[in-house]
Amino acid sequence: MLQQKTYQAKQSGPHFFETTGPNAPKWYIVDANDQVVGRLATIIARVITGKHKTTYTKHADTGDFVIVVNAGKVVFTRNKLNTKLYRKHTGYVSGLKTMTAKEMLQRNPEEVLREAVWGMTNKSSLARHQMKKLKLYTTADHPHTAQAPQPLPAGVTRRTVLTAKKKAVK
């Protein structure tokens, strides 16, 4: 009987991921213009945790880097722009601060997508490290041109409701 070989990612040195070789992390770029926050966050969370790869190992970082441009132009479905609340606590008595999604997009637009992606990862020290692979920018330009980012592969992305509407209008 033939045994199939399996692959298990290993942490190499002080890094959580392999820095060189075929399993080294790649850089991907995503345009968030007119994308739904939750749908985009699921795709990004899959890529930074490495679940889109065949070499996925849950105790090691096998994910890739993701650059998100136009993060301030994301959209919410239905009435979530006015009803969704973001809460944080200062640590003092009665220090609960609450903001709607509309206020959050005006004040700190990157945090909307960052919190959505964080909500879709495991809460662990590895996940905190993987969140550092997410680079968010409100404009179309970014300082990571030296890494030669590529668009996400077709197997990772999904068709969203908004892109289907755009194609129907054209």
Protein backbone atom coordinates (compact mmCIF):
# COMPACT_ATOMS: atom_id res chain seq x y z
CA MET A 1 0.00 0.00 0.00
CA LEU A 2 1.34 3.39 -1.00
CA GLN A 3 1.58 6.10 1.57
CA GLN A 4 0.90 9.61 0.43
CA LYS A 5 3.33 12.23 1.58
CA THR A 6 1.99 15.09 3.64
CA TYR A 7 3.43 18.49 4.23
CA GLN A 8 3.54 20.21 7.58
CA ALA A 9 4.77 23.77 7.71
CA LYS A 10 7.49 24.56 10.21
CA GLN A 11 8.49 27.74 11.92
CA SER A 12 11.94 28.68 10.72
CA GLY A 13 14.05 30.67 13.14
CA PRO A 14 12.59 33.75 14.79
CA HIS A 15 9.96 34.08 12.05
CA PHE A 16 6.56 32.44 12.18
CA PHE A 17 6.84 31.66 8.46
CA GLU A 18 9.34 30.32 5.96
CA THR A 19 11.18 33.33 4.55
CA THR A 20 12.58 31.65 1.43
CA GLY A 21 11.68 28.77 -0.81
CA PRO A 22 8.47 27.73 -2.55
CA ASN A 23 6.35 28.24 0.57
CA ALA A 24 7.53 31.79 1.25
CA PRO A 25 4.69 34.30 1.54
CA LYS A 26 3.57 36.16 -1.56
CA TRP A 27 2.21 39.69 -1.78
CA TYR A 28 -1.30 40.31 -3.11
CA ILE A 29 -3.14 43.55 -3.77
CA VAL A 30 -6.89 44.12 -3.44
CA ASP A 31 -8.92 47.14 -4.51
CA ALA A 32 -11.68 47.73 -1.94
CA ASN A 33 -13.55 50.30 -4.01
CA ASP A 34 -17.31 49.52 -3.83
CA GLN A 35 -16.74 46.15 -2.12
CA VAL A 36 -18.98 44.91 0.70
CA VAL A 37 -17.07 44.92 4.00
CA GLY A 38 -17.97 41.44 5.23
CA ARG A 39 -17.47 39.66 1.93
CA LEU A 40 -14.11 41.32 1.39
CA ALA A 41 -13.04 40.57 4.97
CA THR A 42 -13.67 36.83 4.55
CA ILE A 43 -11.45 36.73 1.47
CA ILE A 44 -8.67 38.69 3.19
CA ALA A 45 -8.85 36.59 6.37
CA ARG A 46 -8.51 33.42 4.30
CA VAL A 47 -5.39 34.70 2.57
CA ILE A 48 -3.54 36.08 5.61
CA THR A 49 -4.15 32.88 7.58
CA GLY A 50 -3.07 30.70 4.65
CA LYS A 51 -6.27 28.67 4.26
CA HIS A 52 -6.19 29.17 0.50
CA LYS A 53 -2.99 27.11 0.21
CA THR A 54 -2.56 23.36 0.17
CA THR A 55 0.26 23.77 2.70
CA TYR A 56 -2.06 25.21 5.37
CA THR A 57 -1.07 24.24 8.90
CA LYS A 58 -3.04 25.68 11.77
CA HIS A 59 -0.14 26.07 14.22
CA ALA A 60 2.23 27.80 11.77
CA ASP A 61 1.92 30.94 9.71
CA THR A 62 1.49 29.88 6.09
CA GLY A 63 -0.41 32.99 4.99
CA ASP A 64 0.43 35.69 2.49
CA PHE A 65 0.65 39.46 2.70
CA VAL A 66 -2.38 41.47 1.54
CA ILE A 67 -2.33 45.12 0.52
CA VAL A 68 -5.75 46.75 0.46
CA VAL A 69 -6.05 50.06 -1.39
CA ASN A 70 -9.08 52.39 -1.31
CA ALA A 71 -10.09 50.98 2.09
CA GLY A 72 -12.16 54.08 2.79
CA LYS A 73 -14.47 53.34 -0.14
CA VAL A 74 -15.96 50.11 1.19
CA VAL A 75 -19.74 49.85 1.42
CA PHE A 76 -22.20 48.28 3.82
CA THR A 77 -25.37 46.47 2.80
CA ARG A 78 -28.83 47.56 3.87
CA ASN A 79 -28.87 50.08 6.74
CA LYS A 80 -25.68 48.94 8.48
CA LEU A 81 -23.99 52.25 7.82
CA ASN A 82 -26.27 53.87 10.43
CA THR A 83 -27.11 50.92 12.69
CA LYS A 84 -23.82 48.97 13.05
CA LEU A 85 -21.99 50.00 16.21
CA TYR A 86 -18.29 49.79 16.98
CA ARG A 87 -17.51 49.69 20.70
CA LYS A 88 -14.28 50.09 22.63
CA HIS A 89 -13.57 50.60 26.31
CA THR A 90 -10.98 52.99 27.68
CA GLY A 91 -10.43 50.95 30.84
CA TYR A 92 -11.88 53.59 33.13
CA VAL A 93 -15.25 53.51 34.87
CA SER A 94 -18.03 54.29 32.36
CA GLY A 95 -15.43 54.47 29.61
CA LEU A 96 -17.43 52.72 26.89
CA LYS A 97 -17.07 54.58 23.59
CA THR A 98 -19.53 53.82 20.81
CA MET A 99 -19.40 54.86 17.15
CA THR A 100 -21.61 54.03 14.18
CA ALA A 101 -20.10 52.67 10.99
CA LYS A 102 -20.64 56.02 9.29
CA GLU A 103 -18.61 57.85 11.97
CA MET A 104 -15.94 55.17 11.89
CA LEU A 105 -15.58 55.48 8.10
CA GLN A 106 -15.15 59.24 8.44
CA ARG A 107 -12.66 59.16 11.32
CA ASN A 108 -10.59 56.04 10.69
CA PRO A 109 -11.62 54.17 7.54
CA GLU A 110 -8.89 51.51 7.75
CA GLU A 111 -10.14 50.31 11.14
CA VAL A 112 -13.50 49.25 9.70
CA LEU A 113 -11.87 46.63 7.51
CA ARG A 114 -9.22 45.74 10.09
CA GLU A 115 -11.86 44.95 12.73
CA ALA A 116 -13.88 42.92 10.23
CA VAL A 117 -10.85 40.80 9.33
CA TRP A 118 -9.84 40.43 12.99
CA GLY A 119 -13.34 39.15 13.76
CA MET A 120 -12.83 36.35 11.23
CA THR A 121 -9.53 35.05 12.60
CA ASN A 122 -8.74 32.91 15.61
CA LYS A 123 -7.97 34.93 18.69
CA SER A 124 -4.41 33.85 19.45
CA SER A 125 -0.85 35.13 19.37
CA LEU A 126 -0.44 33.59 15.93
CA ALA A 127 -3.48 35.50 14.66
CA ARG A 128 -2.11 38.73 16.10
CA HIS A 129 1.08 38.07 14.16
CA GLN A 130 -0.88 37.26 11.00
CA MET A 131 -2.81 40.53 11.25
CA LYS A 132 0.52 42.32 10.73
CA LYS A 133 0.46 40.93 7.19
CA LEU A 134 -2.56 43.10 6.40
CA LYS A 135 -1.60 46.49 4.97
CA LEU A 136 -4.50 48.97 4.63
CA TYR A 137 -4.43 52.28 2.72
CA THR A 138 -7.24 54.75 2.07
CA THR A 139 -5.84 55.90 -1.26
CA ALA A 140 -4.84 54.03 -4.41
CA ASP A 141 -1.09 54.36 -3.83
CA HIS A 142 1.00 52.28 -1.42
CA PRO A 143 4.71 52.00 -0.50
CA HIS A 144 5.00 48.26 -1.32
CA THR A 145 5.83 48.42 -5.03
CA ALA A 146 9.21 46.74 -4.41
CA GLN A 147 7.41 43.54 -3.34
CA ALA A 148 5.68 43.35 -6.77
CA PRO A 149 2.18 42.55 -5.49
CA GLN A 150 -0.12 40.55 -7.73
CA PRO A 151 -3.92 40.50 -7.86
CA LEU A 152 -5.56 37.75 -5.85
CA PRO A 153 -5.82 34.38 -7.63
CA ALA A 154 -9.22 33.49 -9.09
CA GLY A 155 -9.73 30.59 -6.68
CA VAL A 156 -9.63 32.91 -3.68
CA THR A 157 -11.90 35.72 -4.86
CA ARG A 158 -15.66 35.56 -5.12
CA ARG A 159 -18.12 37.48 -7.21
CA THR A 160 -19.85 39.99 -5.02
CA VAL A 161 -23.33 41.37 -5.37
CA LEU A 162 -21.97 44.77 -6.34
CA THR A 163 -19.77 43.49 -9.16
CA ALA A 164 -22.72 41.54 -10.53
CA LYS A 165 -24.82 44.73 -10.47
CA LYS A 166 -22.06 46.68 -12.24
CA LYS A 167 -21.88 44.10 -15.03
CA ALA A 168 -25.66 44.13 -15.41
CA VAL A 169 -25.72 47.93 -15.75
CA LYS A 170 -23.01 48.01 -18.46
